[in-house]
Amino acid sequence: MKKTRSSKNEVIKVEIPKYLAERFRKYVAEKYGFRKGALSKAIIDLIERELDLQSSSNLNIDNIVGLGNLSDYKWEGEDLVEALRKRINVSN
């Protein structure tokens, strides 16, 4: 009996440059390993992360740390999370 994909999933076929595909496969292998579905998981994570940037209510720790590392903000002991949220004008 043939396995069928869940109706909750959709296949999206795209073409990307070969050099980029090779670099992405290397990235996936290093971060996610060689397990079945690792490439799909990596793409799902990247898409979700990118879409979350559009939503101010989904500020997560990775975004906060990344912002802090890229920012010229000088921390002076105040609540860093709140300071960084104010810096990018995010409200809860």
PDB file of N, CA and C in Angstrom:
ATOM      1  N   MET A   1       0.831  -1.175   0.000  1.00  0.00           N
ATOM      2  CA  MET A   1       0.000   0.000   0.000  1.00  0.00           C
ATOM      3  C   MET A   1       0.884   1.249   0.000  1.00  0.00           C
ATOM      4  N   LYS A   2       0.591   2.204  -0.859  1.00  0.00           N
ATOM      5  CA  LYS A   2       1.377   3.421  -1.006  1.00  0.00           C
ATOM      6  C   LYS A   2       1.028   4.416   0.102  1.00  0.00           C
ATOM      7  N   LYS A   3       2.076   5.025   0.681  1.00  0.00           N
ATOM      8  CA  LYS A   3       1.856   6.056   1.694  1.00  0.00           C
ATOM      9  C   LYS A   3       1.385   7.331   1.017  1.00  0.00           C
ATOM     10  N   THR A   4       0.448   8.007   1.638  1.00  0.00           N
ATOM     11  CA  THR A   4       0.003   9.293   1.113  1.00  0.00           C
ATOM     12  C   THR A   4       0.370  10.380   2.097  1.00  0.00           C
ATOM     13  N   ARG A   5       0.611  11.545   1.564  1.00  0.00           N
ATOM     14  CA  ARG A   5       0.944  12.684   2.419  1.00  0.00           C
ATOM     15  C   ARG A   5      -0.300  13.172   3.148  1.00  0.00           C
ATOM     16  N   SER A   6      -0.079  13.725   4.300  1.00  0.00           N
ATOM     17  CA  SER A   6      -1.178  14.305   5.066  1.00  0.00           C
ATOM     18  C   SER A   6      -1.774  15.474   4.291  1.00  0.00           C
ATOM     19  N   SER A   7      -3.074  15.641   4.400  1.00  0.00           N
ATOM     20  CA  SER A   7      -3.714  16.773   3.719  1.00  0.00           C
ATOM     21  C   SER A   7      -3.307  18.104   4.350  1.00  0.00           C
ATOM     22  N   LYS A   8      -2.620  18.056   5.486  1.00  0.00           N
ATOM     23  CA  LYS A   8      -2.144  19.271   6.136  1.00  0.00           C
ATOM     24  C   LYS A   8      -0.832  19.768   5.523  1.00  0.00           C
ATOM     25  N   ASN A   9      -0.220  18.963   4.691  1.00  0.00           N
ATOM     26  CA  ASN A   9       1.047  19.330   4.057  1.00  0.00           C
ATOM     27  C   ASN A   9       0.830  19.677   2.597  1.00  0.00           C
ATOM     28  N   GLU A  10       1.731  20.495   2.096  1.00  0.00           N
ATOM     29  CA  GLU A  10       1.692  20.860   0.684  1.00  0.00           C
ATOM     30  C   GLU A  10       3.113  20.840   0.147  1.00  0.00           C
ATOM     31  N   VAL A  11       3.258  20.345  -1.043  1.00  0.00           N
ATOM     32  CA  VAL A  11       4.570  20.318  -1.689  1.00  0.00           C
ATOM     33  C   VAL A  11       4.737  21.614  -2.472  1.00  0.00           C
ATOM     34  N   ILE A  12       5.853  22.285  -2.219  1.00  0.00           N
ATOM     35  CA  ILE A  12       6.194  23.502  -2.953  1.00  0.00           C
ATOM     36  C   ILE A  12       7.516  23.225  -3.653  1.00  0.00           C
ATOM     37  N   LYS A  13       7.500  23.272  -4.957  1.00  0.00           N
ATOM     38  CA  LYS A  13       8.706  22.985  -5.736  1.00  0.00           C
ATOM     39  C   LYS A  13       9.271  24.302  -6.249  1.00  0.00           C
ATOM     40  N   VAL A  14      10.542  24.539  -5.939  1.00  0.00           N
ATOM     41  CA  VAL A  14      11.197  25.762  -6.386  1.00  0.00           C
ATOM     42  C   VAL A  14      12.563  25.414  -6.968  1.00  0.00           C
ATOM     43  N   GLU A  15      13.087  26.302  -7.777  1.00  0.00           N
ATOM     44  CA  GLU A  15      14.437  26.149  -8.298  1.00  0.00           C
ATOM     45  C   GLU A  15      15.315  27.208  -7.665  1.00  0.00           C
ATOM     46  N   ILE A  16      16.483  26.773  -7.200  1.00  0.00           N
ATOM     47  CA  ILE A  16      17.461  27.700  -6.634  1.00  0.00           C
ATOM     48  C   ILE A  16      18.815  27.388  -7.251  1.00  0.00           C
ATOM     49  N   PRO A  17      19.746  28.334  -7.223  1.00  0.00           N
ATOM     50  CA  PRO A  17      21.073  28.081  -7.784  1.00  0.00           C
ATOM     51  C   PRO A  17      21.753  26.896  -7.085  1.00  0.00           C
ATOM     52  N   LYS A  18      22.521  26.144  -7.850  1.00  0.00           N
ATOM     53  CA  LYS A  18      23.172  24.940  -7.333  1.00  0.00           C
ATOM     54  C   LYS A  18      24.081  25.253  -6.147  1.00  0.00           C
ATOM     55  N   TYR A  19      24.861  26.338  -6.241  1.00  0.00           N
ATOM     56  CA  TYR A  19      25.768  26.677  -5.143  1.00  0.00           C
ATOM     57  C   TYR A  19      25.003  26.923  -3.847  1.00  0.00           C
ATOM     58  N   LEU A  20      23.831  27.548  -3.964  1.00  0.00           N
ATOM     59  CA  LEU A  20      23.025  27.830  -2.785  1.00  0.00           C
ATOM     60  C   LEU A  20      22.428  26.543  -2.211  1.00  0.00           C
ATOM     61  N   ALA A  21      21.993  25.649  -3.072  1.00  0.00           N
ATOM     62  CA  ALA A  21      21.450  24.361  -2.621  1.00  0.00           C
ATOM     63  C   ALA A  21      22.516  23.563  -1.881  1.00  0.00           C
ATOM     64  N   GLU A  22      23.728  23.571  -2.403  1.00  0.00           N
ATOM     65  CA  GLU A  22      24.822  22.836  -1.757  1.00  0.00           C
ATOM     66  C   GLU A  22      25.148  23.414  -0.392  1.00  0.00           C
ATOM     67  N   ARG A  23      25.201  24.735  -0.307  1.00  0.00           N
ATOM     68  CA  ARG A  23      25.482  25.383   0.985  1.00  0.00           C
ATOM     69  C   ARG A  23      24.355  25.134   1.976  1.00  0.00           C
ATOM     70  N   PHE A  24      23.111  25.146   1.477  1.00  0.00           N
ATOM     71  CA  PHE A  24      21.972  24.914   2.361  1.00  0.00           C
ATOM     72  C   PHE A  24      21.966  23.469   2.868  1.00  0.00           C
ATOM     73  N   ARG A  25      22.254  22.518   1.995  1.00  0.00           N
ATOM     74  CA  ARG A  25      22.317  21.109   2.430  1.00  0.00           C
ATOM     75  C   ARG A  25      23.393  20.914   3.495  1.00  0.00           C
ATOM     76  N   LYS A  26      24.532  21.598   3.328  1.00  0.00           N
ATOM     77  CA  LYS A  26      25.605  21.511   4.334  1.00  0.00           C
ATOM     78  C   LYS A  26      25.133  22.100   5.663  1.00  0.00           C
ATOM     79  N   TYR A  27      24.472  23.245   5.601  1.00  0.00           N
ATOM     80  CA  TYR A  27      23.926  23.883   6.799  1.00  0.00           C
ATOM     81  C   TYR A  27      22.940  22.961   7.504  1.00  0.00           C
ATOM     82  N   VAL A  28      22.043  22.357   6.733  1.00  0.00           N
ATOM     83  CA  VAL A  28      21.034  21.452   7.299  1.00  0.00           C
ATOM     84  C   VAL A  28      21.710  20.252   7.952  1.00  0.00           C
ATOM     85  N   ALA A  29      22.700  19.682   7.291  1.00  0.00           N
ATOM     86  CA  ALA A  29      23.397  18.520   7.854  1.00  0.00           C
ATOM     87  C   ALA A  29      24.077  18.870   9.173  1.00  0.00           C
ATOM     88  N   GLU A  30      24.671  20.055   9.240  1.00  0.00           N
ATOM     89  CA  GLU A  30      25.358  20.471  10.465  1.00  0.00           C
ATOM     90  C   GLU A  30      24.383  20.781  11.592  1.00  0.00           C
ATOM     91  N   LYS A  31      23.274  21.423  11.263  1.00  0.00           N
ATOM     92  CA  LYS A  31      22.336  21.850  12.308  1.00  0.00           C
ATOM     93  C   LYS A  31      21.298  20.780  12.644  1.00  0.00           C
ATOM     94  N   TYR A  32      20.782  20.062  11.650  1.00  0.00           N
ATOM     95  CA  TYR A  32      19.679  19.120  11.852  1.00  0.00           C
ATOM     96  C   TYR A  32      20.094  17.656  11.736  1.00  0.00           C
ATOM     97  N   GLY A  33      21.267  17.404  11.208  1.00  0.00           N
ATOM     98  CA  GLY A  33      21.728  16.032  11.025  1.00  0.00           C
ATOM     99  C   GLY A  33      21.257  15.454   9.698  1.00  0.00           C
ATOM    100  N   PHE A  34      21.432  14.162   9.552  1.00  0.00           N
ATOM    101  CA  PHE A  34      21.124  13.488   8.299  1.00  0.00           C
ATOM    102  C   PHE A  34      19.816  12.711   8.356  1.00  0.00           C
ATOM    103  N   ARG A  35      18.988  12.981   9.337  1.00  0.00           N
ATOM    104  CA  ARG A  35      17.721  12.264   9.479  1.00  0.00           C
ATOM    105  C   ARG A  35      16.763  12.587   8.344  1.00  0.00           C
ATOM    106  N   LYS A  36      15.885  11.640   8.092  1.00  0.00           N
ATOM    107  CA  LYS A  36      14.844  11.846   7.084  1.00  0.00           C
ATOM    108  C   LYS A  36      13.971  13.022   7.515  1.00  0.00           C
ATOM    109  N   GLY A  37      13.700  13.912   6.606  1.00  0.00           N
ATOM    110  CA  GLY A  37      12.863  15.070   6.894  1.00  0.00           C
ATOM    111  C   GLY A  37      13.626  16.283   7.398  1.00  0.00           C
ATOM    112  N   ALA A  38      14.947  16.165   7.536  1.00  0.00           N
ATOM    113  CA  ALA A  38      15.746  17.279   8.055  1.00  0.00           C
ATOM    114  C   ALA A  38      15.673  18.494   7.138  1.00  0.00           C
ATOM    115  N   LEU A  39      15.719  18.274   5.844  1.00  0.00           N
ATOM    116  CA  LEU A  39      15.662  19.385   4.892  1.00  0.00           C
ATOM    117  C   LEU A  39      14.319  20.103   4.988  1.00  0.00           C
ATOM    118  N   SER A  40      13.242  19.340   5.056  1.00  0.00           N
ATOM    119  CA  SER A  40      11.913  19.950   5.203  1.00  0.00           C
ATOM    120  C   SER A  40      11.807  20.723   6.510  1.00  0.00           C
ATOM    121  N   LYS A  41      12.307  20.142   7.596  1.00  0.00           N
ATOM    122  CA  LYS A  41      12.254  20.811   8.901  1.00  0.00           C
ATOM    123  C   LYS A  41      13.012  22.136   8.854  1.00  0.00           C
ATOM    124  N   ALA A  42      14.181  22.130   8.225  1.00  0.00           N
ATOM    125  CA  ALA A  42      14.984  23.348   8.135  1.00  0.00           C
ATOM    126  C   ALA A  42      14.247  24.431   7.354  1.00  0.00           C
ATOM    127  N   ILE A  43      13.633  24.057   6.261  1.00  0.00           N
ATOM    128  CA  ILE A  43      12.889  25.035   5.451  1.00  0.00           C
ATOM    129  C   ILE A  43      11.684  25.554   6.211  1.00  0.00           C
ATOM    130  N   ILE A  44      10.972  24.667   6.893  1.00  0.00           N
ATOM    131  CA  ILE A  44       9.829  25.091   7.708  1.00  0.00           C
ATOM    132  C   ILE A  44      10.282  26.082   8.775  1.00  0.00           C
ATOM    133  N   ASP A  45      11.389  25.766   9.478  1.00  0.00           N
ATOM    134  CA  ASP A  45      11.904  26.671  10.507  1.00  0.00           C
ATOM    135  C   ASP A  45      12.268  28.033   9.929  1.00  0.00           C
ATOM    136  N   LEU A  46      12.930  28.039   8.772  1.00  0.00           N
ATOM    137  CA  LEU A  46      13.328  29.310   8.156  1.00  0.00           C
ATOM    138  C   LEU A  46      12.112  30.140   7.728  1.00  0.00           C
ATOM    139  N   ILE A  47      11.127  29.493   7.143  1.00  0.00           N
ATOM    140  CA  ILE A  47       9.922  30.211   6.711  1.00  0.00           C
ATOM    141  C   ILE A  47       9.174  30.760   7.918  1.00  0.00           C
ATOM    142  N   GLU A  48       9.006  29.942   8.957  1.00  0.00           N
ATOM    143  CA  GLU A  48       8.313  30.413  10.160  1.00  0.00           C
ATOM    144  C   GLU A  48       9.055  31.580  10.793  1.00  0.00           C
ATOM    145  N   ARG A  49      10.385  31.466  10.859  1.00  0.00           N
ATOM    146  CA  ARG A  49      11.176  32.550  11.434  1.00  0.00           C
ATOM    147  C   ARG A  49      11.008  33.836  10.623  1.00  0.00           C
ATOM    148  N   GLU A  50      11.050  33.716   9.313  1.00  0.00           N
ATOM    149  CA  GLU A  50      10.903  34.891   8.447  1.00  0.00           C
ATOM    150  C   GLU A  50       9.521  35.511   8.591  1.00  0.00           C
ATOM    151  N   LEU A  51       8.504  34.704   8.627  1.00  0.00           N
ATOM    152  CA  LEU A  51       7.143  35.224   8.760  1.00  0.00           C
ATOM    153  C   LEU A  51       6.905  35.833  10.132  1.00  0.00           C
ATOM    154  N   ASP A  52       7.541  35.296  11.153  1.00  0.00           N
ATOM    155  CA  ASP A  52       7.403  35.847  12.497  1.00  0.00           C
ATOM    156  C   ASP A  52       7.970  37.256  12.585  1.00  0.00           C
ATOM    157  N   LEU A  53       8.922  37.588  11.720  1.00  0.00           N
ATOM    158  CA  LEU A  53       9.469  38.937  11.724  1.00  0.00           C
ATOM    159  C   LEU A  53       8.399  39.963  11.378  1.00  0.00           C
ATOM    160  N   GLN A  54       7.378  39.542  10.659  1.00  0.00           N
ATOM    161  CA  GLN A  54       6.296  40.444  10.286  1.00  0.00           C
ATOM    162  C   GLN A  54       5.311  40.655  11.433  1.00  0.00           C
ATOM    163  N   SER A  55       5.359  39.798  12.424  1.00  0.00           N
ATOM    164  CA  SER A  55       4.408  39.858  13.534  1.00  0.00           C
ATOM    165  C   SER A  55       5.112  40.326  14.797  1.00  0.00           C
ATOM    166  N   SER A  56       4.781  41.492  15.285  1.00  0.00           N
ATOM    167  CA  SER A  56       5.449  42.038  16.459  1.00  0.00           C
ATOM    168  C   SER A  56       5.119  41.267  17.726  1.00  0.00           C
ATOM    169  N   SER A  57       4.026  40.493  17.733  1.00  0.00           N
ATOM    170  CA  SER A  57       3.656  39.755  18.945  1.00  0.00           C
ATOM    171  C   SER A  57       4.456  38.476  19.100  1.00  0.00           C
ATOM    172  N   ASN A  58       5.250  38.092  18.121  1.00  0.00           N
ATOM    173  CA  ASN A  58       6.005  36.849  18.182  1.00  0.00           C
ATOM    174  C   ASN A  58       7.494  37.090  18.374  1.00  0.00           C
ATOM    175  N   LEU A  59       7.867  38.077  19.167  1.00  0.00           N
ATOM    176  CA  LEU A  59       9.265  38.342  19.451  1.00  0.00           C
ATOM    177  C   LEU A  59       9.787  37.235  20.356  1.00  0.00           C
ATOM    178  N   ASN A  60      10.754  36.463  19.873  1.00  0.00           N
ATOM    179  CA  ASN A  60      11.278  35.367  20.676  1.00  0.00           C
ATOM    180  C   ASN A  60      12.703  35.660  21.102  1.00  0.00           C
ATOM    181  N   ILE A  61      13.267  34.784  21.892  1.00  0.00           N
ATOM    182  CA  ILE A  61      14.593  35.022  22.458  1.00  0.00           C
ATOM    183  C   ILE A  61      15.665  35.130  21.380  1.00  0.00           C
ATOM    184  N   ASP A  62      15.554  34.355  20.300  1.00  0.00           N
ATOM    185  CA  ASP A  62      16.542  34.452  19.225  1.00  0.00           C
ATOM    186  C   ASP A  62      16.526  35.834  18.587  1.00  0.00           C
ATOM    187  N   ASN A  63      15.330  36.389  18.376  1.00  0.00           N
ATOM    188  CA  ASN A  63      15.229  37.731  17.806  1.00  0.00           C
ATOM    189  C   ASN A  63      15.806  38.769  18.760  1.00  0.00           C
ATOM    190  N   ILE A  64      15.533  38.602  20.044  1.00  0.00           N
ATOM    191  CA  ILE A  64      16.015  39.561  21.036  1.00  0.00           C
ATOM    192  C   ILE A  64      17.535  39.526  21.121  1.00  0.00           C
ATOM    193  N   VAL A  65      18.111  38.334  21.210  1.00  0.00           N
ATOM    194  CA  VAL A  65      19.563  38.206  21.289  1.00  0.00           C
ATOM    195  C   VAL A  65      20.218  38.726  20.020  1.00  0.00           C
ATOM    196  N   GLY A  66      19.655  38.369  18.869  1.00  0.00           N
ATOM    197  CA  GLY A  66      20.201  38.856  17.616  1.00  0.00           C
ATOM    198  C   GLY A  66      20.165  40.367  17.531  1.00  0.00           C
ATOM    199  N   LEU A  67      19.065  40.942  17.958  1.00  0.00           N
ATOM    200  CA  LEU A  67      18.939  42.394  17.961  1.00  0.00           C
ATOM    201  C   LEU A  67      19.964  43.019  18.899  1.00  0.00           C
ATOM    202  N   GLY A  68      20.133  42.410  20.055  1.00  0.00           N
ATOM    203  CA  GLY A  68      21.106  42.927  21.022  1.00  0.00           C
ATOM    204  C   GLY A  68      22.519  42.888  20.481  1.00  0.00           C
ATOM    205  N   ASN A  69      22.850  41.825  19.780  1.00  0.00           N
ATOM    206  CA  ASN A  69      24.199  41.708  19.229  1.00  0.00           C
ATOM    207  C   ASN A  69      24.450  42.706  18.112  1.00  0.00           C
ATOM    208  N   LEU A  70      23.422  43.046  17.360  1.00  0.00           N
ATOM    209  CA  LEU A  70      23.576  43.973  16.238  1.00  0.00           C
ATOM    210  C   LEU A  70      23.378  45.430  16.646  1.00  0.00           C
ATOM    211  N   SER A  71      22.867  45.647  17.828  1.00  0.00           N
ATOM    212  CA  SER A  71      22.493  46.983  18.262  1.00  0.00           C
ATOM    213  C   SER A  71      23.684  47.750  18.840  1.00  0.00           C
ATOM    214  N   ASP A  72      23.605  49.070  18.746  1.00  0.00           N
ATOM    215  CA  ASP A  72      24.602  49.916  19.407  1.00  0.00           C
ATOM    216  C   ASP A  72      24.137  50.296  20.809  1.00  0.00           C
ATOM    217  N   TYR A  73      23.066  49.646  21.258  1.00  0.00           N
ATOM    218  CA  TYR A  73      22.484  49.937  22.568  1.00  0.00           C
ATOM    219  C   TYR A  73      23.446  49.565  23.683  1.00  0.00           C
ATOM    220  N   LYS A  74      23.619  50.448  24.645  1.00  0.00           N
ATOM    221  CA  LYS A  74      24.479  50.167  25.790  1.00  0.00           C
ATOM    222  C   LYS A  74      23.603  49.800  26.974  1.00  0.00           C
ATOM    223  N   TRP A  75      23.744  48.567  27.413  1.00  0.00           N
ATOM    224  CA  TRP A  75      22.945  48.077  28.534  1.00  0.00           C
ATOM    225  C   TRP A  75      23.499  48.620  29.831  1.00  0.00           C
ATOM    226  N   GLU A  76      22.623  49.181  30.670  1.00  0.00           N
ATOM    227  CA  GLU A  76      23.042  49.772  31.941  1.00  0.00           C
ATOM    228  C   GLU A  76      22.323  49.128  33.115  1.00  0.00           C
ATOM    229  N   GLY A  77      22.003  47.835  32.993  1.00  0.00           N
ATOM    230  CA  GLY A  77      21.430  47.095  34.109  1.00  0.00           C
ATOM    231  C   GLY A  77      19.919  46.993  34.124  1.00  0.00           C
ATOM    232  N   GLU A  78      19.231  47.759  33.274  1.00  0.00           N
ATOM    233  CA  GLU A  78      17.773  47.679  33.234  1.00  0.00           C
ATOM    234  C   GLU A  78      17.351  46.356  32.600  1.00  0.00           C
ATOM    235  N   ASP A  79      16.067  46.063  32.618  1.00  0.00           N
ATOM    236  CA  ASP A  79      15.563  44.834  32.030  1.00  0.00           C
ATOM    237  C   ASP A  79      15.882  44.854  30.539  1.00  0.00           C
ATOM    238  N   LEU A  80      16.779  43.997  30.117  1.00  0.00           N
ATOM    239  CA  LEU A  80      17.280  44.006  28.749  1.00  0.00           C
ATOM    240  C   LEU A  80      16.190  43.685  27.733  1.00  0.00           C
ATOM    241  N   VAL A  81      15.334  42.748  28.061  1.00  0.00           N
ATOM    242  CA  VAL A  81      14.260  42.382  27.136  1.00  0.00           C
ATOM    243  C   VAL A  81      13.361  43.583  26.874  1.00  0.00           C
ATOM    244  N   GLU A  82      12.948  44.258  27.930  1.00  0.00           N
ATOM    245  CA  GLU A  82      12.090  45.430  27.753  1.00  0.00           C
ATOM    246  C   GLU A  82      12.820  46.551  27.024  1.00  0.00           C
ATOM    247  N   ALA A  83      14.079  46.748  27.328  1.00  0.00           N
ATOM    248  CA  ALA A  83      14.843  47.803  26.663  1.00  0.00           C
ATOM    249  C   ALA A  83      14.943  47.530  25.165  1.00  0.00           C
ATOM    250  N   LEU A  84      15.180  46.282  24.793  1.00  0.00           N
ATOM    251  CA  LEU A  84      15.297  45.947  23.381  1.00  0.00           C
ATOM    252  C   LEU A  84      13.938  46.014  22.678  1.00  0.00           C
ATOM    253  N   ARG A  85      12.881  45.633  23.392  1.00  0.00           N
ATOM    254  CA  ARG A  85      11.537  45.748  22.803  1.00  0.00           C
ATOM    255  C   ARG A  85      11.220  47.224  22.516  1.00  0.00           C
ATOM    256  N   LYS A  86      11.531  48.083  23.462  1.00  0.00           N
ATOM    257  CA  LYS A  86      11.289  49.511  23.248  1.00  0.00           C
ATOM    258  C   LYS A  86      12.137  50.030  22.098  1.00  0.00           C
ATOM    259  N   ARG A  87      13.343  49.498  21.994  1.00  0.00           N
ATOM    260  CA  ARG A  87      14.272  49.942  20.944  1.00  0.00           C
ATOM    261  C   ARG A  87      13.701  49.693  19.550  1.00  0.00           C
ATOM    262  N   ILE A  88      12.955  48.580  19.389  1.00  0.00           N
ATOM    263  CA  ILE A  88      12.378  48.273  18.081  1.00  0.00           C
ATOM    264  C   ILE A  88      10.888  48.546  18.059  1.00  0.00           C
ATOM    265  N   ASN A  89      10.397  49.241  19.080  1.00  0.00           N
ATOM    266  CA  ASN A  89       8.993  49.648  19.148  1.00  0.00           C
ATOM    267  C   ASN A  89       8.026  48.469  19.097  1.00  0.00           C
ATOM    268  N   VAL A  90       8.257  47.475  19.928  1.00  0.00           N
ATOM    269  CA  VAL A  90       7.371  46.314  20.007  1.00  0.00           C
ATOM    270  C   VAL A  90       6.577  46.421  21.286  1.00  0.00           C
ATOM    271  N   SER A  91       5.269  46.221  21.165  1.00  0.00           N
ATOM    272  CA  SER A  91       4.435  46.225  22.371  1.00  0.00           C
ATOM    273  C   SER A  91       3.880  44.847  22.589  1.00  0.00           C
ATOM    274  N   ASN A  92       3.626  44.517  23.843  1.00  0.00           N
ATOM    275  CA  ASN A  92       3.052  43.199  24.155  1.00  0.00           C
ATOM    276  C   ASN A  92       1.594  43.164  23.921  1.00  0.00           C
TER     277      ASN A  92
END
